[in-house]
Amino acid sequence: ECNRITTGIMQAISWCLMQKGVKSGEITVDFASEKKNRLTDNELFSEDLNCDPEPLPKEFINYSERTRALYIRIVRIDRLLYENNGSIENPVHNMMNKIEKI
C-alpha cells in the first residue's frame, strides 16, 4: 500500500505541474493531452488494501483513503479536460485564475 500511495501522489503531482506549465504557456495543451502526460492508470486504486488494516495506524488508513480520493478526483478532471475535445472550460486553469486574483 505504501508503494501504491507513493506512486499515486507522484503521478498526481506530476499531472498538476503539467497543468501549471500549460497555464503559464510553457507547455502546449496538445503536449499535455498526450497519453504519456496524463493520468492513465485507472486501476492504481481500484483494489482495496491488500492486507488486514487492523494492525495499521489509523493515521495511515486515513492517509491512504485521502490519497485514493484525491487521485480519483484528478483522474476525473483529466478526463474532463482531455476527453471532451475542449468542449468545456478548463476547471483547473479557471481555478488557478481565481486564486491569482486573490
PDB file of N, CA and C in Angstrom:
ATOM      1  N   GLU A   1       0.832  -1.198   0.000  1.00  0.00           N
ATOM      2  CA  GLU A   1       0.000   0.000   0.000  1.00  0.00           C
ATOM      3  C   GLU A   1       0.869   1.252   0.000  1.00  0.00           C
ATOM      4  N   CYS A   2       1.987   1.197   0.696  1.00  0.00           N
ATOM      5  CA  CYS A   2       2.895   2.359   0.714  1.00  0.00           C
ATOM      6  C   CYS A   2       3.369   2.698  -0.697  1.00  0.00           C
ATOM      7  N   ASN A   3       3.727   1.677  -1.461  1.00  0.00           N
ATOM      8  CA  ASN A   3       4.183   1.917  -2.835  1.00  0.00           C
ATOM      9  C   ASN A   3       3.059   2.475  -3.699  1.00  0.00           C
ATOM     10  N   ARG A   4       1.872   1.972  -3.501  1.00  0.00           N
ATOM     11  CA  ARG A   4       0.729   2.451  -4.286  1.00  0.00           C
ATOM     12  C   ARG A   4       0.438   3.921  -3.955  1.00  0.00           C
ATOM     13  N   ILE A   5       0.464   4.259  -2.679  1.00  0.00           N
ATOM     14  CA  ILE A   5       0.225   5.645  -2.265  1.00  0.00           C
ATOM     15  C   ILE A   5       1.296   6.561  -2.853  1.00  0.00           C
ATOM     16  N   THR A   6       2.554   6.159  -2.726  1.00  0.00           N
ATOM     17  CA  THR A   6       3.656   6.969  -3.250  1.00  0.00           C
ATOM     18  C   THR A   6       3.530   7.165  -4.750  1.00  0.00           C
ATOM     19  N   THR A   7       3.214   6.101  -5.468  1.00  0.00           N
ATOM     20  CA  THR A   7       3.042   6.194  -6.917  1.00  0.00           C
ATOM     21  C   THR A   7       1.909   7.138  -7.262  1.00  0.00           C
ATOM     22  N   GLY A   8       0.788   7.015  -6.577  1.00  0.00           N
ATOM     23  CA  GLY A   8      -0.359   7.887  -6.844  1.00  0.00           C
ATOM     24  C   GLY A   8      -0.061   9.347  -6.592  1.00  0.00           C
ATOM     25  N   ILE A   9       0.625   9.616  -5.495  1.00  0.00           N
ATOM     26  CA  ILE A   9       0.962  11.006  -5.169  1.00  0.00           C
ATOM     27  C   ILE A   9       1.931  11.572  -6.199  1.00  0.00           C
ATOM     28  N   MET A  10       2.934  10.796  -6.571  1.00  0.00           N
ATOM     29  CA  MET A  10       3.908  11.276  -7.558  1.00  0.00           C
ATOM     30  C   MET A  10       3.235  11.545  -8.904  1.00  0.00           C
ATOM     31  N   GLN A  11       2.354  10.679  -9.329  1.00  0.00           N
ATOM     32  CA  GLN A  11       1.649  10.877 -10.588  1.00  0.00           C
ATOM     33  C   GLN A  11       0.740  12.105 -10.526  1.00  0.00           C
ATOM     34  N   ALA A  12       0.047  12.276  -9.403  1.00  0.00           N
ATOM     35  CA  ALA A  12      -0.847  13.426  -9.249  1.00  0.00           C
ATOM     36  C   ALA A  12      -0.065  14.741  -9.261  1.00  0.00           C
ATOM     37  N   ILE A  13       1.066  14.779  -8.578  1.00  0.00           N
ATOM     38  CA  ILE A  13       1.887  15.988  -8.553  1.00  0.00           C
ATOM     39  C   ILE A  13       2.437  16.285  -9.942  1.00  0.00           C
ATOM     40  N   SER A  14       2.895  15.271 -10.618  1.00  0.00           N
ATOM     41  CA  SER A  14       3.404  15.448 -11.981  1.00  0.00           C
ATOM     42  C   SER A  14       2.317  16.016 -12.889  1.00  0.00           C
ATOM     43  N   TRP A  15       1.112  15.487 -12.764  1.00  0.00           N
ATOM     44  CA  TRP A  15      -0.004  15.964 -13.581  1.00  0.00           C
ATOM     45  C   TRP A  15      -0.300  17.439 -13.258  1.00  0.00           C
ATOM     46  N   CYS A  16      -0.305  17.779 -11.977  1.00  0.00           N
ATOM     47  CA  CYS A  16      -0.578  19.167 -11.582  1.00  0.00           C
ATOM     48  C   CYS A  16       0.500  20.113 -12.111  1.00  0.00           C
ATOM     49  N   LEU A  17       1.752  19.689 -12.067  1.00  0.00           N
ATOM     50  CA  LEU A  17       2.827  20.523 -12.612  1.00  0.00           C
ATOM     51  C   LEU A  17       2.680  20.695 -14.119  1.00  0.00           C
ATOM     52  N   MET A  18       2.215  19.665 -14.803  1.00  0.00           N
ATOM     53  CA  MET A  18       1.966  19.763 -16.243  1.00  0.00           C
ATOM     54  C   MET A  18       0.888  20.819 -16.509  1.00  0.00           C
ATOM     55  N   GLN A  19      -0.158  20.822 -15.693  1.00  0.00           N
ATOM     56  CA  GLN A  19      -1.228  21.800 -15.873  1.00  0.00           C
ATOM     57  C   GLN A  19      -0.741  23.217 -15.580  1.00  0.00           C
ATOM     58  N   LYS A  20       0.141  23.335 -14.609  1.00  0.00           N
ATOM     59  CA  LYS A  20       0.738  24.642 -14.315  1.00  0.00           C
ATOM     60  C   LYS A  20       1.548  25.127 -15.508  1.00  0.00           C
ATOM     61  N   GLY A  21       2.283  24.218 -16.151  1.00  0.00           N
ATOM     62  CA  GLY A  21       3.045  24.564 -17.351  1.00  0.00           C
ATOM     63  C   GLY A  21       2.140  25.004 -18.487  1.00  0.00           C
ATOM     64  N   VAL A  22       0.998  24.352 -18.635  1.00  0.00           N
ATOM     65  CA  VAL A  22       0.023  24.757 -19.666  1.00  0.00           C
ATOM     66  C   VAL A  22      -0.485  26.152 -19.348  1.00  0.00           C
ATOM     67  N   LYS A  23      -0.819  26.384 -18.106  1.00  0.00           N
ATOM     68  CA  LYS A  23      -1.361  27.687 -17.687  1.00  0.00           C
ATOM     69  C   LYS A  23      -0.365  28.814 -17.934  1.00  0.00           C
ATOM     70  N   SER A  24       0.922  28.535 -17.684  1.00  0.00           N
ATOM     71  CA  SER A  24       1.933  29.582 -17.835  1.00  0.00           C
ATOM     72  C   SER A  24       2.400  29.738 -19.284  1.00  0.00           C
ATOM     73  N   GLY A  25       1.952  28.840 -20.155  1.00  0.00           N
ATOM     74  CA  GLY A  25       2.332  28.927 -21.557  1.00  0.00           C
ATOM     75  C   GLY A  25       3.627  28.214 -21.893  1.00  0.00           C
ATOM     76  N   GLU A  26       4.226  27.548 -20.926  1.00  0.00           N
ATOM     77  CA  GLU A  26       5.476  26.824 -21.170  1.00  0.00           C
ATOM     78  C   GLU A  26       5.238  25.507 -21.898  1.00  0.00           C
ATOM     79  N   ILE A  27       4.036  24.973 -21.771  1.00  0.00           N
ATOM     80  CA  ILE A  27       3.678  23.688 -22.371  1.00  0.00           C
ATOM     81  C   ILE A  27       2.376  23.879 -23.143  1.00  0.00           C
ATOM     82  N   THR A  28       2.293  23.270 -24.309  1.00  0.00           N
ATOM     83  CA  THR A  28       1.060  23.387 -25.090  1.00  0.00           C
ATOM     84  C   THR A  28       0.019  22.404 -24.572  1.00  0.00           C
ATOM     85  N   VAL A  29      -1.229  22.716 -24.823  1.00  0.00           N
ATOM     86  CA  VAL A  29      -2.319  21.819 -24.460  1.00  0.00           C
ATOM     87  C   VAL A  29      -2.181  20.494 -25.209  1.00  0.00           C
ATOM     88  N   ASP A  30      -1.743  20.569 -26.451  1.00  0.00           N
ATOM     89  CA  ASP A  30      -1.558  19.340 -27.233  1.00  0.00           C
ATOM     90  C   ASP A  30      -0.531  18.418 -26.581  1.00  0.00           C
ATOM     91  N   PHE A  31       0.567  18.999 -26.094  1.00  0.00           N
ATOM     92  CA  PHE A  31       1.594  18.188 -25.428  1.00  0.00           C
ATOM     93  C   PHE A  31       1.045  17.594 -24.133  1.00  0.00           C
ATOM     94  N   ALA A  32       0.342  18.411 -23.345  1.00  0.00           N
ATOM     95  CA  ALA A  32      -0.221  17.939 -22.080  1.00  0.00           C
ATOM     96  C   ALA A  32      -1.280  16.870 -22.290  1.00  0.00           C
ATOM     97  N   SER A  33      -1.932  16.895 -23.433  1.00  0.00           N
ATOM     98  CA  SER A  33      -3.003  15.928 -23.678  1.00  0.00           C
ATOM     99  C   SER A  33      -2.492  14.596 -24.232  1.00  0.00           C
ATOM    100  N   GLU A  34      -1.198  14.498 -24.511  1.00  0.00           N
ATOM    101  CA  GLU A  34      -0.643  13.225 -24.966  1.00  0.00           C
ATOM    102  C   GLU A  34      -0.765  12.191 -23.850  1.00  0.00           C
ATOM    103  N   LYS A  35      -1.007  10.953 -24.237  1.00  0.00           N
ATOM    104  CA  LYS A  35      -1.258   9.890 -23.263  1.00  0.00           C
ATOM    105  C   LYS A  35      -0.156   9.771 -22.213  1.00  0.00           C
ATOM    106  N   LYS A  36       1.088   9.950 -22.612  1.00  0.00           N
ATOM    107  CA  LYS A  36       2.208   9.812 -21.675  1.00  0.00           C
ATOM    108  C   LYS A  36       2.208  10.897 -20.596  1.00  0.00           C
ATOM    109  N   ASN A  37       1.500  11.993 -20.815  1.00  0.00           N
ATOM    110  CA  ASN A  37       1.472  13.109 -19.870  1.00  0.00           C
ATOM    111  C   ASN A  37       0.187  13.172 -19.059  1.00  0.00           C
ATOM    112  N   ARG A  38      -0.625  12.154 -19.170  1.00  0.00           N
ATOM    113  CA  ARG A  38      -1.914  12.139 -18.486  1.00  0.00           C
ATOM    114  C   ARG A  38      -1.944  11.040 -17.430  1.00  0.00           C
ATOM    115  N   LEU A  39      -2.959  11.092 -16.587  1.00  0.00           N
ATOM    116  CA  LEU A  39      -3.156  10.025 -15.615  1.00  0.00           C
ATOM    117  C   LEU A  39      -3.926   8.904 -16.299  1.00  0.00           C
ATOM    118  N   THR A  40      -3.227   7.866 -16.645  1.00  0.00           N
ATOM    119  CA  THR A  40      -3.854   6.784 -17.402  1.00  0.00           C
ATOM    120  C   THR A  40      -4.041   5.518 -16.584  1.00  0.00           C
ATOM    121  N   ASP A  41      -3.536   5.480 -15.364  1.00  0.00           N
ATOM    122  CA  ASP A  41      -3.621   4.271 -14.544  1.00  0.00           C
ATOM    123  C   ASP A  41      -4.925   4.271 -13.744  1.00  0.00           C
ATOM    124  N   ASN A  42      -5.998   3.867 -14.389  1.00  0.00           N
ATOM    125  CA  ASN A  42      -7.294   3.819 -13.714  1.00  0.00           C
ATOM    126  C   ASN A  42      -7.370   2.720 -12.665  1.00  0.00           C
ATOM    127  N   GLU A  43      -6.483   1.762 -12.744  1.00  0.00           N
ATOM    128  CA  GLU A  43      -6.528   0.600 -11.864  1.00  0.00           C
ATOM    129  C   GLU A  43      -5.665   0.765 -10.609  1.00  0.00           C
ATOM    130  N   LEU A  44      -4.935   1.862 -10.492  1.00  0.00           N
ATOM    131  CA  LEU A  44      -3.998   2.015  -9.385  1.00  0.00           C
ATOM    132  C   LEU A  44      -4.679   1.821  -8.033  1.00  0.00           C
ATOM    133  N   PHE A  45      -5.823   2.411  -7.858  1.00  0.00           N
ATOM    134  CA  PHE A  45      -6.519   2.324  -6.574  1.00  0.00           C
ATOM    135  C   PHE A  45      -7.839   1.572  -6.684  1.00  0.00           C
ATOM    136  N   SER A  46      -7.966   0.720  -7.686  1.00  0.00           N
ATOM    137  CA  SER A  46      -9.227   0.002  -7.857  1.00  0.00           C
ATOM    138  C   SER A  46      -9.414  -1.100  -6.814  1.00  0.00           C
ATOM    139  N   GLU A  47      -8.336  -1.586  -6.239  1.00  0.00           N
ATOM    140  CA  GLU A  47      -8.425  -2.630  -5.219  1.00  0.00           C
ATOM    141  C   GLU A  47      -8.359  -2.013  -3.834  1.00  0.00           C
ATOM    142  N   ASP A  48      -8.992  -2.709  -2.896  1.00  0.00           N
ATOM    143  CA  ASP A  48      -8.897  -2.300  -1.503  1.00  0.00           C
ATOM    144  C   ASP A  48      -7.502  -2.625  -0.986  1.00  0.00           C
ATOM    145  N   LEU A  49      -7.247  -2.277   0.253  1.00  0.00           N
ATOM    146  CA  LEU A  49      -5.976  -2.623   0.875  1.00  0.00           C
ATOM    147  C   LEU A  49      -5.729  -4.119   0.727  1.00  0.00           C
ATOM    148  N   ASN A  50      -4.511  -4.499   0.420  1.00  0.00           N
ATOM    149  CA  ASN A  50      -4.173  -5.907   0.231  1.00  0.00           C
ATOM    150  C   ASN A  50      -3.741  -6.585   1.523  1.00  0.00           C
ATOM    151  N   CYS A  51      -4.105  -5.974   2.629  1.00  0.00           N
ATOM    152  CA  CYS A  51      -3.723  -6.558   3.906  1.00  0.00           C
ATOM    153  C   CYS A  51      -4.803  -6.245   4.935  1.00  0.00           C
ATOM    154  N   ASP A  52      -4.655  -6.824   6.097  1.00  0.00           N
ATOM    155  CA  ASP A  52      -5.581  -6.568   7.192  1.00  0.00           C
ATOM    156  C   ASP A  52      -5.297  -5.176   7.751  1.00  0.00           C
ATOM    157  N   PRO A  53      -6.256  -4.250   7.681  1.00  0.00           N
ATOM    158  CA  PRO A  53      -5.992  -2.884   8.148  1.00  0.00           C
ATOM    159  C   PRO A  53      -5.957  -2.742   9.672  1.00  0.00           C
ATOM    160  N   GLU A  54      -6.391  -3.769  10.390  1.00  0.00           N
ATOM    161  CA  GLU A  54      -6.482  -3.682  11.853  1.00  0.00           C
ATOM    162  C   GLU A  54      -5.173  -3.295  12.532  1.00  0.00           C
ATOM    163  N   PRO A  55      -4.034  -3.915  12.179  1.00  0.00           N
ATOM    164  CA  PRO A  55      -2.795  -3.551  12.887  1.00  0.00           C
ATOM    165  C   PRO A  55      -2.179  -2.224  12.418  1.00  0.00           C
ATOM    166  N   LEU A  56      -2.683  -1.663  11.336  1.00  0.00           N
ATOM    167  CA  LEU A  56      -2.111  -0.423  10.811  1.00  0.00           C
ATOM    168  C   LEU A  56      -2.602   0.782  11.615  1.00  0.00           C
ATOM    169  N   PRO A  57      -1.769   1.793  11.737  1.00  0.00           N
ATOM    170  CA  PRO A  57      -2.205   3.010  12.449  1.00  0.00           C
ATOM    171  C   PRO A  57      -3.382   3.663  11.727  1.00  0.00           C
ATOM    172  N   LYS A  58      -4.264   4.237  12.506  1.00  0.00           N
ATOM    173  CA  LYS A  58      -5.446   4.899  11.929  1.00  0.00           C
ATOM    174  C   LYS A  58      -5.031   6.045  11.008  1.00  0.00           C
ATOM    175  N   GLU A  59      -3.939   6.724  11.348  1.00  0.00           N
ATOM    176  CA  GLU A  59      -3.456   7.824  10.520  1.00  0.00           C
ATOM    177  C   GLU A  59      -3.058   7.329   9.129  1.00  0.00           C
ATOM    178  N   PHE A  60      -2.460   6.138   9.072  1.00  0.00           N
ATOM    179  CA  PHE A  60      -2.067   5.572   7.785  1.00  0.00           C
ATOM    180  C   PHE A  60      -3.292   5.243   6.944  1.00  0.00           C
ATOM    181  N   ILE A  61      -4.281   4.639   7.552  1.00  0.00           N
ATOM    182  CA  ILE A  61      -5.519   4.302   6.837  1.00  0.00           C
ATOM    183  C   ILE A  61      -6.181   5.577   6.334  1.00  0.00           C
ATOM    184  N   ASN A  62      -6.222   6.597   7.170  1.00  0.00           N
ATOM    185  CA  ASN A  62      -6.806   7.884   6.774  1.00  0.00           C
ATOM    186  C   ASN A  62      -6.030   8.487   5.603  1.00  0.00           C
ATOM    187  N   TYR A  63      -4.715   8.450   5.677  1.00  0.00           N
ATOM    188  CA  TYR A  63      -3.864   8.978   4.606  1.00  0.00           C
ATOM    189  C   TYR A  63      -4.095   8.211   3.305  1.00  0.00           C
ATOM    190  N   SER A  64      -4.202   6.897   3.412  1.00  0.00           N
ATOM    191  CA  SER A  64      -4.470   6.067   2.235  1.00  0.00           C
ATOM    192  C   SER A  64      -5.812   6.444   1.602  1.00  0.00           C
ATOM    193  N   GLU A  65      -6.834   6.595   2.408  1.00  0.00           N
ATOM    194  CA  GLU A  65      -8.157   6.960   1.884  1.00  0.00           C
ATOM    195  C   GLU A  65      -8.148   8.335   1.229  1.00  0.00           C
ATOM    196  N   ARG A  66      -7.460   9.277   1.844  1.00  0.00           N
ATOM    197  CA  ARG A  66      -7.393  10.625   1.277  1.00  0.00           C
ATOM    198  C   ARG A  66      -6.618  10.641  -0.032  1.00  0.00           C
ATOM    199  N   THR A  67      -5.530   9.862  -0.093  1.00  0.00           N
ATOM    200  CA  THR A  67      -4.745   9.766  -1.325  1.00  0.00           C
ATOM    201  C   THR A  67      -5.585   9.174  -2.442  1.00  0.00           C
ATOM    202  N   ARG A  68      -6.315   8.128  -2.137  1.00  0.00           N
ATOM    203  CA  ARG A  68      -7.180   7.489  -3.128  1.00  0.00           C
ATOM    204  C   ARG A  68      -8.229   8.470  -3.650  1.00  0.00           C
ATOM    205  N   ALA A  69      -8.855   9.211  -2.753  1.00  0.00           N
ATOM    206  CA  ALA A  69      -9.892  10.165  -3.142  1.00  0.00           C
ATOM    207  C   ALA A  69      -9.303  11.274  -4.026  1.00  0.00           C
ATOM    208  N   LEU A  70      -8.148  11.789  -3.657  1.00  0.00           N
ATOM    209  CA  LEU A  70      -7.501  12.836  -4.440  1.00  0.00           C
ATOM    210  C   LEU A  70      -7.149  12.338  -5.833  1.00  0.00           C
ATOM    211  N   TYR A  71      -6.578  11.155  -5.905  1.00  0.00           N
ATOM    212  CA  TYR A  71      -6.180  10.593  -7.197  1.00  0.00           C
ATOM    213  C   TYR A  71      -7.402  10.418  -8.099  1.00  0.00           C
ATOM    214  N   ILE A  72      -8.467   9.901  -7.555  1.00  0.00           N
ATOM    215  CA  ILE A  72      -9.699   9.694  -8.342  1.00  0.00           C
ATOM    216  C   ILE A  72     -10.243  11.026  -8.849  1.00  0.00           C
ATOM    217  N   ARG A  73     -10.187  12.065  -8.023  1.00  0.00           N
ATOM    218  CA  ARG A  73     -10.658  13.391  -8.471  1.00  0.00           C
ATOM    219  C   ARG A  73      -9.798  13.931  -9.599  1.00  0.00           C
ATOM    220  N   ILE A  74      -8.490  13.759  -9.490  1.00  0.00           N
ATOM    221  CA  ILE A  74      -7.602  14.266 -10.539  1.00  0.00           C
ATOM    222  C   ILE A  74      -7.791  13.479 -11.828  1.00  0.00           C
ATOM    223  N   VAL A  75      -7.988  12.176 -11.735  1.00  0.00           N
ATOM    224  CA  VAL A  75      -8.275  11.383 -12.936  1.00  0.00           C
ATOM    225  C   VAL A  75      -9.548  11.896 -13.601  1.00  0.00           C
ATOM    226  N   ARG A  76     -10.556  12.195 -12.807  1.00  0.00           N
ATOM    227  CA  ARG A  76     -11.817  12.723 -13.352  1.00  0.00           C
ATOM    228  C   ARG A  76     -11.592  14.070 -14.049  1.00  0.00           C
ATOM    229  N   ILE A  77     -10.804  14.948 -13.441  1.00  0.00           N
ATOM    230  CA  ILE A  77     -10.512  16.244 -14.064  1.00  0.00           C
ATOM    231  C   ILE A  77      -9.732  16.039 -15.355  1.00  0.00           C
ATOM    232  N   ASP A  78      -8.776  15.112 -15.340  1.00  0.00           N
ATOM    233  CA  ASP A  78      -8.011  14.805 -16.552  1.00  0.00           C
ATOM    234  C   ASP A  78      -8.949  14.394 -17.683  1.00  0.00           C
ATOM    235  N   ARG A  79      -9.904  13.541 -17.376  1.00  0.00           N
ATOM    236  CA  ARG A  79     -10.856  13.083 -18.396  1.00  0.00           C
ATOM    237  C   ARG A  79     -11.705  14.240 -18.918  1.00  0.00           C
ATOM    238  N   LEU A  80     -12.131  15.100 -18.008  1.00  0.00           N
ATOM    239  CA  LEU A  80     -12.931  16.256 -18.421  1.00  0.00           C
ATOM    240  C   LEU A  80     -12.145  17.180 -19.341  1.00  0.00           C
ATOM    241  N   LEU A  81     -10.874  17.369 -19.027  1.00  0.00           N
ATOM    242  CA  LEU A  81     -10.052  18.286 -19.809  1.00  0.00           C
ATOM    243  C   LEU A  81      -9.697  17.745 -21.185  1.00  0.00           C
ATOM    244  N   TYR A  82      -9.346  16.470 -21.244  1.00  0.00           N
ATOM    245  CA  TYR A  82      -8.722  15.965 -22.451  1.00  0.00           C
ATOM    246  C   TYR A  82      -9.537  14.932 -23.231  1.00  0.00           C
ATOM    247  N   GLU A  83     -10.703  14.576 -22.745  1.00  0.00           N
ATOM    248  CA  GLU A  83     -11.516  13.624 -23.494  1.00  0.00           C
ATOM    249  C   GLU A  83     -12.810  14.224 -24.008  1.00  0.00           C
ATOM    250  N   ASN A  84     -12.999  15.510 -23.798  1.00  0.00           N
ATOM    251  CA  ASN A  84     -14.190  16.186 -24.291  1.00  0.00           C
ATOM    252  C   ASN A  84     -13.870  17.116 -25.452  1.00  0.00           C
ATOM    253  N   ASN A  85     -12.680  16.960 -26.014  1.00  0.00           N
ATOM    254  CA  ASN A  85     -12.250  17.758 -27.167  1.00  0.00           C
ATOM    255  C   ASN A  85     -12.397  19.261 -26.932  1.00  0.00           C
ATOM    256  N   GLY A  86     -12.120  19.674 -25.699  1.00  0.00           N
ATOM    257  CA  GLY A  86     -12.165  21.102 -25.401  1.00  0.00           C
ATOM    258  C   GLY A  86     -13.567  21.677 -25.407  1.00  0.00           C
ATOM    259  N   SER A  87     -14.580  20.832 -25.280  1.00  0.00           N
ATOM    260  CA  SER A  87     -15.943  21.322 -25.347  1.00  0.00           C
ATOM    261  C   SER A  87     -16.388  22.011 -24.069  1.00  0.00           C
ATOM    262  N   ILE A  88     -15.595  21.893 -23.006  1.00  0.00           N
ATOM    263  CA  ILE A  88     -15.911  22.586 -21.767  1.00  0.00           C
ATOM    264  C   ILE A  88     -14.720  23.426 -21.366  1.00  0.00           C
ATOM    265  N   GLU A  89     -14.963  24.370 -20.463  1.00  0.00           N
ATOM    266  CA  GLU A  89     -13.860  25.186 -19.975  1.00  0.00           C
ATOM    267  C   GLU A  89     -12.953  24.341 -19.094  1.00  0.00           C
ATOM    268  N   ASN A  90     -11.701  24.735 -19.008  1.00  0.00           N
ATOM    269  CA  ASN A  90     -10.718  24.034 -18.212  1.00  0.00           C
ATOM    270  C   ASN A  90     -10.877  24.447 -16.740  1.00  0.00           C
ATOM    271  N   PRO A  91     -11.417  23.564 -15.887  1.00  0.00           N
ATOM    272  CA  PRO A  91     -11.661  23.952 -14.495  1.00  0.00           C
ATOM    273  C   PRO A  91     -10.386  24.191 -13.706  1.00  0.00           C
ATOM    274  N   VAL A  92      -9.317  23.490 -14.036  1.00  0.00           N
ATOM    275  CA  VAL A  92      -8.053  23.691 -13.322  1.00  0.00           C
ATOM    276  C   VAL A  92      -7.515  25.089 -13.600  1.00  0.00           C
ATOM    277  N   HIS A  93      -7.503  25.455 -14.863  1.00  0.00           N
ATOM    278  CA  HIS A  93      -6.975  26.774 -15.217  1.00  0.00           C
ATOM    279  C   HIS A  93      -7.902  27.880 -14.723  1.00  0.00           C
ATOM    280  N   ASN A  94      -9.198  27.660 -14.747  1.00  0.00           N
ATOM    281  CA  ASN A  94     -10.132  28.651 -14.217  1.00  0.00           C
ATOM    282  C   ASN A  94      -9.915  28.862 -12.727  1.00  0.00           C
ATOM    283  N   MET A  95      -9.689  27.769 -11.988  1.00  0.00           N
ATOM    284  CA  MET A  95      -9.462  27.881 -10.560  1.00  0.00           C
ATOM    285  C   MET A  95      -8.140  28.595 -10.286  1.00  0.00           C
ATOM    286  N   MET A  96      -7.121  28.307 -11.086  1.00  0.00           N
ATOM    287  CA  MET A  96      -5.832  28.979 -10.904  1.00  0.00           C
ATOM    288  C   MET A  96      -5.977  30.480 -11.166  1.00  0.00           C
ATOM    289  N   ASN A  97      -6.796  30.853 -12.156  1.00  0.00           N
ATOM    290  CA  ASN A  97      -7.050  32.266 -12.419  1.00  0.00           C
ATOM    291  C   ASN A  97      -7.702  32.935 -11.222  1.00  0.00           C
ATOM    292  N   LYS A  98      -8.659  32.269 -10.597  1.00  0.00           N
ATOM    293  CA  LYS A  98      -9.335  32.822  -9.426  1.00  0.00           C
ATOM    294  C   LYS A  98      -8.366  32.995  -8.265  1.00  0.00           C
ATOM    295  N   ILE A  99      -7.494  32.011  -8.079  1.00  0.00           N
ATOM    296  CA  ILE A  99      -6.532  32.077  -6.980  1.00  0.00           C
ATOM    297  C   ILE A  99      -5.553  33.228  -7.197  1.00  0.00           C
ATOM    298  N   GLU A 100      -5.136  33.430  -8.443  1.00  0.00           N
ATOM    299  CA  GLU A 100      -4.188  34.508  -8.740  1.00  0.00           C
ATOM    300  C   GLU A 100      -4.804  35.886  -8.487  1.00  0.00           C
ATOM    301  N   LYS A 101      -6.103  35.999  -8.604  1.00  0.00           N
ATOM    302  CA  LYS A 101      -6.782  37.285  -8.408  1.00  0.00           C
ATOM    303  C   LYS A 101      -6.939  37.639  -6.940  1.00  0.00           C
ATOM    304  N   ILE A 102      -6.780  36.646  -6.075  1.00  0.00           N
ATOM    305  CA  ILE A 102      -6.968  36.894  -4.639  1.00  0.00           C
ATOM    306  C   ILE A 102      -5.792  37.643  -4.075  1.00  0.00           C
TER     307      ILE A 102
END
